[in-house]
Amino acid sequence: MIYRLVYHSQSRISGSSAEVFRSILGIVKASRRNNARVGVTGALMFYDGAFSQVLEGDQAPVKEVFGWIRADQRHDRLSLLSFATTTERAFAKSAMAVIGTSEQDRERCNVVLAGKSYDPALMTTNELILTLQRLVDDSGGGDAPSAPMARPLMRAVGH
């Protein structure tokens, strides 16, 4: 049985855009390594100072990964949106697809969101999953973080 967990949180990562970018890349690298080891797939979006993430896999590993996330001090106001079974993975191709690390991501987000503000707290779980799927699909899989962008998607805390 496949379990899907969806959450969002506010970032507590501070520093310059370059420092925030390096921190996000560190999260992605560790997530891919750890998720692949336990058979968890998913997608992470970092946009305007907020994380949105989908984790998929067997129940115990998904709970374990979420436990690591809950203990991570880089998250604030973490909100679990859903933890339920599903018939198939939405992000089967990646231990952790990533959106939010390039100017191209910003452009795709603007198209997908069609002028609406991005607030995962106001989205249904399905809307959030579909948004992430569309962004990952549009990026060609979302597996390779892009080079730092000129105008970051992320807003560093306190800057």
Protein backbone atom coordinates (compact mmCIF):
# COMPACT_ATOMS: atom_id res chain seq x y z
CA MET A 1 0.00 0.00 0.00
CA ILE A 2 1.28 3.47 -0.92
CA TYR A 3 1.01 6.32 1.56
CA ARG A 4 1.10 9.98 0.60
CA LEU A 5 1.92 12.74 3.07
CA VAL A 6 1.48 16.40 2.16
CA TYR A 7 2.61 19.33 4.29
CA HIS A 8 3.65 22.93 4.08
CA SER A 9 5.73 25.12 6.37
CA GLN A 10 7.39 28.50 6.55
CA SER A 11 11.14 28.67 6.16
CA ARG A 12 13.38 29.76 8.98
CA ILE A 13 16.40 29.84 6.69
CA SER A 14 18.08 33.23 6.82
CA GLY A 15 20.89 34.89 4.95
CA SER A 16 21.54 36.21 1.49
CA SER A 17 19.82 34.69 -1.53
CA ALA A 18 23.01 32.74 -2.27
CA GLU A 19 23.15 31.39 1.30
CA VAL A 20 19.47 30.40 1.17
CA PHE A 21 20.06 28.71 -2.20
CA ARG A 22 23.02 26.71 -0.79
CA SER A 23 20.91 25.65 2.17
CA ILE A 24 18.06 24.49 -0.12
CA LEU A 25 20.54 22.54 -2.25
CA GLY A 26 21.81 20.87 0.91
CA ILE A 27 18.26 19.89 1.84
CA VAL A 28 17.65 18.50 -1.65
CA LYS A 29 20.91 16.51 -1.68
CA ALA A 30 20.25 14.96 1.73
CA SER A 31 16.59 14.31 0.88
CA ARG A 32 17.44 12.49 -2.32
CA ARG A 33 20.02 10.32 -0.59
CA ASN A 34 17.84 9.52 2.43
CA ASN A 35 14.59 9.10 0.49
CA ALA A 36 16.19 6.75 -2.06
CA ARG A 37 17.59 4.66 0.79
CA VAL A 38 14.10 4.12 2.31
CA GLY A 39 12.07 4.01 -0.93
CA VAL A 40 10.33 7.37 -0.56
CA THR A 41 9.58 9.54 -3.59
CA GLY A 42 8.15 13.02 -3.76
CA ALA A 43 8.45 16.66 -4.66
CA LEU A 44 9.57 19.76 -2.78
CA MET A 45 8.66 23.30 -3.69
CA PHE A 46 10.34 26.29 -2.08
CA TYR A 47 8.57 29.49 -3.03
CA ASP A 48 8.37 32.88 -1.36
CA GLY A 49 9.72 31.64 1.94
CA ALA A 50 7.50 28.55 2.19
CA PHE A 51 8.07 24.83 1.72
CA SER A 52 5.41 22.57 0.21
CA GLN A 53 6.20 18.90 -0.02
CA VAL A 54 4.68 15.58 -1.02
CA LEU A 55 6.21 12.34 0.29
CA GLU A 56 5.13 8.93 -1.03
CA GLY A 57 6.00 5.36 -0.13
CA ASP A 58 5.44 2.68 2.48
CA GLN A 59 3.90 3.93 5.71
CA ALA A 60 6.88 3.50 8.05
CA PRO A 61 9.48 5.21 5.82
CA VAL A 62 7.13 8.12 5.02
CA LYS A 63 6.51 8.60 8.74
CA GLU A 64 10.25 8.38 9.41
CA VAL A 65 11.09 11.02 6.80
CA PHE A 66 8.35 13.31 8.11
CA GLY A 67 9.76 12.85 11.61
CA TRP A 68 13.11 14.16 10.37
CA ILE A 69 11.35 17.12 8.77
CA ARG A 70 9.38 17.92 11.94
CA ALA A 71 12.61 17.95 13.93
CA ASP A 72 14.37 20.20 11.40
CA GLN A 73 14.73 23.71 12.81
CA ARG A 74 14.61 25.21 9.31
CA HIS A 75 10.82 24.75 9.37
CA ASP A 76 8.33 26.96 11.19
CA ARG A 77 4.55 26.63 11.42
CA LEU A 78 4.63 23.19 9.86
CA SER A 79 1.15 22.04 8.87
CA LEU A 80 0.28 18.46 7.94
CA LEU A 81 -2.34 18.67 5.21
CA SER A 82 -2.85 14.99 4.48
CA PHE A 83 -1.56 11.52 5.30
CA ALA A 84 -3.55 8.89 3.42
CA THR A 85 -3.28 5.88 1.16
CA THR A 86 -3.28 6.20 -2.60
CA THR A 87 -3.33 3.83 -5.53
CA GLU A 88 -0.27 5.24 -7.28
CA ARG A 89 2.58 7.63 -6.73
CA ALA A 90 2.27 11.11 -8.19
CA PHE A 91 6.09 11.53 -8.16
CA ALA A 92 7.34 8.01 -8.85
CA LYS A 93 10.36 9.10 -10.90
CA SER A 94 12.22 11.02 -8.22
CA ALA A 95 13.45 10.53 -4.69
CA MET A 96 12.90 14.29 -4.49
CA ALA A 97 11.89 16.48 -7.41
CA VAL A 98 12.56 20.13 -6.63
CA ILE A 99 10.92 23.34 -7.75
CA GLY A 100 11.99 26.79 -6.63
CA THR A 101 15.64 27.13 -7.44
CA SER A 102 15.72 28.97 -10.77
CA GLU A 103 14.35 31.88 -12.74
CA GLN A 104 12.69 29.30 -15.01
CA ASP A 105 10.87 27.95 -11.94
CA ARG A 106 9.56 31.45 -11.22
CA GLU A 107 8.28 31.76 -14.77
CA ARG A 108 6.61 28.32 -14.63
CA CYS A 109 5.05 29.17 -11.27
CA ASN A 110 3.64 32.40 -12.68
CA VAL A 111 2.08 30.49 -15.59
CA VAL A 112 0.71 27.64 -13.45
CA LEU A 113 -0.65 29.98 -10.80
CA ALA A 114 -2.17 32.23 -13.49
CA GLY A 115 -1.77 35.41 -11.48
CA LYS A 116 -3.06 33.95 -8.21
CA SER A 117 -0.92 34.27 -5.13
CA TYR A 118 0.66 31.06 -3.92
CA ASP A 119 -0.56 30.25 -0.43
CA PRO A 120 -0.51 26.51 0.32
CA ALA A 121 -2.54 27.16 3.47
CA LEU A 122 -5.46 28.17 1.26
CA MET A 123 -5.14 25.28 -1.20
CA THR A 124 -6.75 21.87 -0.95
CA THR A 125 -4.40 18.92 -0.80
CA ASN A 126 -5.37 17.93 -4.34
CA GLU A 127 -4.75 21.46 -5.64
CA LEU A 128 -1.31 21.47 -4.06
CA ILE A 129 -0.43 18.02 -5.49
CA LEU A 130 -1.68 19.00 -8.95
CA THR A 131 0.28 22.26 -8.83
CA LEU A 132 3.47 20.44 -7.88
CA GLN A 133 2.86 17.77 -10.53
CA ARG A 134 2.37 20.37 -13.22
CA LEU A 135 5.48 22.29 -12.18
CA VAL A 136 7.58 19.11 -12.04
CA ASP A 137 6.23 17.92 -15.40
CA ASP A 138 6.90 21.33 -16.97
CA SER A 139 10.47 21.25 -15.64
CA GLY A 140 11.22 17.91 -17.23
CA GLY A 141 11.17 16.07 -13.94
CA GLY A 142 12.43 18.64 -11.49
CA ASP A 143 15.39 16.45 -10.58
CA ALA A 144 18.29 18.77 -11.19
CA PRO A 145 18.46 21.98 -9.17
CA SER A 146 19.21 24.88 -11.45
CA ALA A 147 21.96 27.42 -11.06
CA PRO A 148 21.25 30.31 -8.69
CA MET A 149 18.78 32.76 -10.11
CA ALA A 150 19.08 36.48 -10.55
CA ARG A 151 15.73 37.10 -8.85
CA PRO A 152 15.18 34.34 -6.31
CA LEU A 153 11.87 32.59 -5.76
CA MET A 154 12.76 32.52 -2.14
CA ARG A 155 12.62 35.35 0.30
CA ALA A 156 15.27 35.00 2.97
CA VAL A 157 13.93 35.41 6.48
CA GLY A 158 14.75 38.80 7.92
CA HIS A 159 15.94 40.25 4.59
